[in-house]
C-alpha atoms as a PDB file:
ATOM      1  CA  MET A   1       0.132   0.090  -0.006  1.00  0.00           C
ATOM      2  CA  ASN A   2       1.530   3.238  -1.246  1.00  0.00           C
ATOM      3  CA  ALA A   3       0.381   6.564   0.454  1.00  0.00           C
ATOM      4  CA  VAL A   4      -0.457   8.924  -2.814  1.00  0.00           C
ATOM      5  CA  ASN A   5      -1.364  12.057  -1.210  1.00  0.00           C
ATOM      6  CA  SER A   6      -3.606  13.749   1.463  1.00  0.00           C
ATOM      7  CA  PHE A   7      -6.327  16.477   1.152  1.00  0.00           C
ATOM      8  CA  GLU A   8      -8.986  18.205   3.224  1.00  0.00           C
ATOM      9  CA  ILE A   9     -12.777  18.023   2.756  1.00  0.00           C
ATOM     10  CA  ILE A  10     -15.387  19.643   5.059  1.00  0.00           C
ATOM     11  CA  TYR A  11     -17.961  17.164   6.631  1.00  0.00           C
ATOM     12  CA  GLN A  12     -20.755  18.069   8.884  1.00  0.00           C
ATOM     13  CA  ASP A  13     -18.955  21.581   9.073  1.00  0.00           C
ATOM     14  CA  ARG A  14     -15.591  20.042  10.216  1.00  0.00           C
ATOM     15  CA  PRO A  15     -12.486  19.889   8.203  1.00  0.00           C
ATOM     16  CA  LEU A  16     -11.322  16.026   7.681  1.00  0.00           C
ATOM     17  CA  VAL A  17      -7.968  15.294   6.394  1.00  0.00           C
ATOM     18  CA  ILE A  18      -8.215  12.274   4.210  1.00  0.00           C
ATOM     19  CA  GLN A  19      -5.260  10.297   2.975  1.00  0.00           C
ATOM     20  CA  GLU A  20      -5.448   8.522  -0.431  1.00  0.00           C
ATOM     21  CA  LEU A  21      -3.791   5.322  -0.800  1.00  0.00           C
ATOM     22  CA  SER A  22      -3.083   2.990  -3.683  1.00  0.00           C
ATOM     23  CA  LEU A  23      -3.490  -0.851  -3.314  1.00  0.00           C
ATOM     24  CA  SER A  24      -2.657  -2.663  -6.600  1.00  0.00           C
ATOM     25  CA  GLY A  25      -3.462   0.585  -8.495  1.00  0.00           C
ATOM     26  CA  ARG A  26      -6.956   0.820  -6.812  1.00  0.00           C
ATOM     27  CA  PRO A  27      -7.402   4.119  -4.986  1.00  0.00           C
ATOM     28  CA  MET A  28      -8.482   3.746  -1.314  1.00  0.00           C
ATOM     29  CA  PHE A  29      -9.087   6.504   1.199  1.00  0.00           C
ATOM     30  CA  VAL A  30      -8.564   6.710   4.955  1.00  0.00           C
ATOM     31  CA  VAL A  31     -10.829   8.729   6.710  1.00  0.00           C
ATOM     32  CA  PRO A  32     -10.214   9.870  10.379  1.00  0.00           C
ATOM     33  CA  VAL A  33     -13.215   8.980  12.734  1.00  0.00           C
ATOM     34  CA  ALA A  34     -13.581  10.775  16.197  1.00  0.00           C
ATOM     35  CA  GLY A  35     -13.113   8.208  18.943  1.00  0.00           C
ATOM     36  CA  LYS A  36     -12.580   5.167  16.427  1.00  0.00           C
ATOM     37  CA  LYS A  37     -10.321   3.569  14.156  1.00  0.00           C
ATOM     38  CA  PRO A  38      -9.991   5.183  10.588  1.00  0.00           C
ATOM     39  CA  LEU A  39     -12.489   4.205   8.098  1.00  0.00           C
ATOM     40  CA  VAL A  40     -11.033   2.849   4.700  1.00  0.00           C
ATOM     41  CA  ILE A  41     -13.402   3.419   1.672  1.00  0.00           C
ATOM     42  CA  THR A  42     -13.273   2.976  -1.872  1.00  0.00           C
ATOM     43  CA  THR A  43     -15.724   2.357  -4.841  1.00  0.00           C
ATOM     44  CA  ALA A  44     -16.937  -1.052  -5.807  1.00  0.00           C
ATOM     45  CA  THR A  45     -19.126  -2.215  -8.656  1.00  0.00           C
ATOM     46  CA  GLY A  46     -22.479  -3.892  -8.050  1.00  0.00           C
ATOM     47  CA  SER A  47     -23.819  -7.006 -10.000  1.00  0.00           C
ATOM     48  CA  GLU A  48     -25.753  -4.546 -12.252  1.00  0.00           C
ATOM     49  CA  GLY A  49     -22.760  -2.284 -13.223  1.00  0.00           C
ATOM     50  CA  GLN A  50     -23.581   0.381 -10.673  1.00  0.00           C
ATOM     51  CA  VAL A  51     -20.580   1.982  -8.940  1.00  0.00           C
ATOM     52  CA  PHE A  52     -20.932   2.795  -5.275  1.00  0.00           C
ATOM     53  CA  TRP A  53     -19.020   3.832  -2.245  1.00  0.00           C
ATOM     54  CA  THR A  54     -18.268   1.286   0.279  1.00  0.00           C
ATOM     55  CA  SER A  55     -16.313   0.427   3.664  1.00  0.00           C
ATOM     56  CA  ILE A  56     -13.756  -1.814   4.260  1.00  0.00           C
ATOM     57  CA  PRO A  57     -14.547  -3.828   6.052  1.00  0.00           C
ATOM     58  CA  GLU A  58     -18.250  -3.601   4.989  1.00  0.00           C
ATOM     59  CA  GLY A  59     -20.674  -2.119   7.449  1.00  0.00           C
ATOM     60  CA  GLN A  60     -20.297   1.633   7.263  1.00  0.00           C
ATOM     61  CA  GLN A  61     -21.826   2.232   3.608  1.00  0.00           C
ATOM     62  CA  ALA A  62     -23.804   5.172   4.715  1.00  0.00           C
ATOM     63  CA  LEU A  63     -20.848   6.864   6.030  1.00  0.00           C
ATOM     64  CA  ALA A  64     -18.687   5.640   3.118  1.00  0.00           C
ATOM     65  CA  ALA A  65     -21.354   7.103   0.451  1.00  0.00           C
ATOM     66  CA  SER A  66     -21.712  10.439   2.239  1.00  0.00           C
ATOM     67  CA  ILE A  67     -18.077  10.901   2.596  1.00  0.00           C
ATOM     68  CA  GLY A  68     -17.387   9.336  -1.002  1.00  0.00           C
ATOM     69  CA  GLN A  69     -19.452  12.054  -2.528  1.00  0.00           C
ATOM     70  CA  LEU A  70     -17.281  14.772  -0.895  1.00  0.00           C
ATOM     71  CA  ILE A  71     -14.161  13.040  -2.309  1.00  0.00           C
ATOM     72  CA  GLU A  72     -15.689  12.980  -5.624  1.00  0.00           C
ATOM     73  CA  ALA A  73     -16.555  16.736  -5.524  1.00  0.00           C
ATOM     74  CA  HIS A  74     -12.866  17.529  -4.541  1.00  0.00           C
ATOM     75  CA  PHE A  75     -11.502  15.759  -7.461  1.00  0.00           C
ATOM     76  CA  GLN A  76     -14.089  17.389  -9.835  1.00  0.00           C
ATOM     77  CA  LYS A  77     -13.125  20.779  -8.412  1.00  0.00           C
ATOM     78  CA  ASN A  78      -9.512  20.157  -8.638  1.00  0.00           C
ATOM     79  CA  LYS A  79      -9.391  18.730 -12.438  1.00  0.00           C
END
């Protein structure tokens, strides 16, 4: 796993420093969570071809989806 870069997003009116990692060429994002272990999120493809954000391990999909949208917006803004 290689660290690619870090960037900041605003989530619930608070700044979060997101660390981007590359694992076998696949982007993963480490999200700090207050009082807990960091959350690792990435995109996955469903059985019908839809792309969605998911957590690793699974179980935090709602949070992964919320933060994933902010990550997408960050990259769109900085193209």
